[in-house]
Amino acid sequence: MAGLIFGGDQMSDWTVIGGAGATTFDNPQPALYDRIAAVKALVGEVPVEGRLLFSNVGKFTKGIPKWVLMLDGIEVEFPVVDGSMRNDPAFAQFSQAWSRLVGQLRPSPHLFTNL
């Protein structure tokens, strides 16, 4: 979302003000919490975290809300795992959990209604 983003943890609606005017949307944090809970139910004991990823064309004017991550910070918060990690027992646990999760994925039917 390009423009100035007005959003915060306690706000029910967030707003982006850009070249095309203002756009208001629901605070995405509650939906993120629901998605994290759904993933946790599928993967079991493996730790699960979620983030709301925004590109760098938008700017939060009053600070970045909880769980929001700007695209230019993704490699800082989630560094690339090198090949030596594959021997770590935790890697096997995460790999098994990832396979369980991917096995449960189905396309959302409403995504394809306009094709």
Protein backbone atom coordinates (compact mmCIF):
# COMPACT_ATOMS: atom_id res chain seq x y z
CA MET A 1 0.00 0.00 0.00
CA ALA A 2 1.60 3.20 -1.16
CA GLY A 3 1.21 6.27 1.02
CA LEU A 4 1.00 7.19 4.66
CA ILE A 5 -0.47 4.42 6.80
CA PHE A 6 -2.37 5.30 9.95
CA GLY A 7 -2.81 2.15 12.02
CA GLY A 8 -2.26 0.93 15.51
CA ASP A 9 -2.83 -1.97 17.86
CA GLN A 10 -5.98 -0.46 19.41
CA MET A 11 -7.51 0.92 16.19
CA SER A 12 -10.33 -1.05 14.56
CA ASP A 13 -9.72 0.55 11.15
CA TRP A 14 -6.46 1.50 9.48
CA THR A 15 -6.19 4.12 6.75
CA VAL A 16 -3.77 4.68 3.87
CA ILE A 17 -3.55 8.16 2.39
CA GLY A 18 -1.85 8.29 -0.97
CA GLY A 19 -2.09 9.70 -4.47
CA ALA A 20 -5.51 8.14 -5.09
CA GLY A 21 -7.02 9.50 -1.87
CA ALA A 22 -7.73 7.61 1.32
CA THR A 23 -8.51 3.93 1.73
CA THR A 24 -9.72 2.45 5.00
CA PHE A 25 -9.44 -1.24 5.86
CA ASP A 26 -10.01 -3.44 8.91
CA ASN A 27 -7.13 -3.75 11.36
CA PRO A 28 -5.43 -6.94 10.05
CA GLN A 29 -4.10 -8.01 13.47
CA PRO A 30 -7.18 -10.01 14.65
CA ALA A 31 -7.22 -12.01 11.41
CA LEU A 32 -3.51 -12.73 11.88
CA TYR A 33 -4.16 -14.11 15.37
CA ASP A 34 -6.82 -16.44 13.92
CA ARG A 35 -4.45 -17.65 11.21
CA ILE A 36 -1.66 -18.28 13.71
CA ALA A 37 -4.08 -20.35 15.83
CA ALA A 38 -5.11 -22.39 12.77
CA VAL A 39 -1.48 -23.12 11.84
CA LYS A 40 -0.66 -24.06 15.45
CA ALA A 41 -3.53 -26.55 15.42
CA LEU A 42 -2.04 -28.23 12.35
CA VAL A 43 1.64 -28.34 13.30
CA GLY A 44 1.45 -29.30 16.95
CA GLU A 45 4.32 -28.39 19.26
CA VAL A 46 6.40 -26.44 16.74
CA PRO A 47 6.54 -22.71 17.59
CA VAL A 48 4.49 -20.56 15.22
CA GLU A 49 4.73 -16.83 14.64
CA GLY A 50 3.05 -14.58 12.11
CA ARG A 51 3.70 -11.17 10.63
CA LEU A 52 1.78 -8.64 8.60
CA LEU A 53 4.13 -7.85 5.74
CA PHE A 54 3.98 -4.40 4.16
CA SER A 55 6.05 -3.25 1.21
CA ASN A 56 8.38 -0.30 1.59
CA VAL A 57 6.15 2.03 -0.48
CA GLY A 58 3.98 2.66 2.57
CA LYS A 59 5.10 4.47 5.69
CA PHE A 60 3.58 4.14 9.16
CA THR A 61 3.40 7.66 10.53
CA LYS A 62 3.10 6.87 14.25
CA GLY A 63 5.40 3.87 14.53
CA ILE A 64 4.99 0.31 13.35
CA PRO A 65 2.19 -1.68 15.06
CA LYS A 66 2.79 -5.04 16.70
CA TRP A 67 3.46 -7.92 14.29
CA VAL A 68 3.87 -5.58 11.31
CA LEU A 69 7.04 -6.11 9.33
CA MET A 70 8.26 -3.91 6.53
CA LEU A 71 9.68 -5.75 3.53
CA ASP A 72 13.16 -4.31 3.96
CA GLY A 73 13.31 -5.86 7.46
CA ILE A 74 12.35 -9.42 6.56
CA GLU A 75 15.91 -10.74 6.26
CA VAL A 76 16.84 -9.14 9.57
CA GLU A 77 13.98 -10.75 11.45
CA PHE A 78 14.05 -14.02 9.49
CA PRO A 79 17.64 -14.71 8.36
CA VAL A 80 18.28 -17.25 5.63
CA VAL A 81 19.02 -20.71 7.02
CA ASP A 82 22.25 -22.10 5.65
CA GLY A 83 22.82 -25.74 4.75
CA SER A 84 24.63 -26.56 8.03
CA MET A 85 21.32 -26.19 9.90
CA ARG A 86 19.93 -29.27 8.16
CA ASN A 87 21.75 -31.49 10.69
CA ASP A 88 20.08 -29.76 13.65
CA PRO A 89 17.30 -31.93 15.21
CA ALA A 90 15.06 -28.85 15.31
CA PHE A 91 15.34 -28.60 11.51
CA ALA A 92 13.83 -32.09 11.15
CA GLN A 93 11.00 -31.15 13.50
CA PHE A 94 10.22 -27.99 11.53
CA SER A 95 10.51 -29.87 8.23
CA GLN A 96 7.97 -32.47 9.37
CA ALA A 97 5.62 -29.75 10.61
CA TRP A 98 5.98 -27.89 7.30
CA SER A 99 5.07 -31.06 5.38
CA ARG A 100 1.96 -31.55 7.57
CA LEU A 101 0.95 -27.95 6.99
CA VAL A 102 1.47 -28.03 3.22
CA GLY A 103 -0.51 -31.28 3.06
CA GLN A 104 -3.54 -29.44 4.50
CA LEU A 105 -3.48 -26.49 2.09
CA ARG A 106 -6.32 -26.02 -0.36
CA PRO A 107 -6.91 -23.05 -2.71
CA SER A 108 -9.59 -20.67 -1.58
CA PRO A 109 -12.48 -21.07 -4.07
CA HIS A 110 -13.34 -17.36 -4.03
CA LEU A 111 -9.90 -16.46 -5.36
CA PHE A 112 -10.73 -17.93 -8.73
CA THR A 113 -14.26 -16.63 -9.32
CA ASN A 114 -13.13 -13.78 -11.64
CA LEU A 115 -10.84 -15.80 -13.93
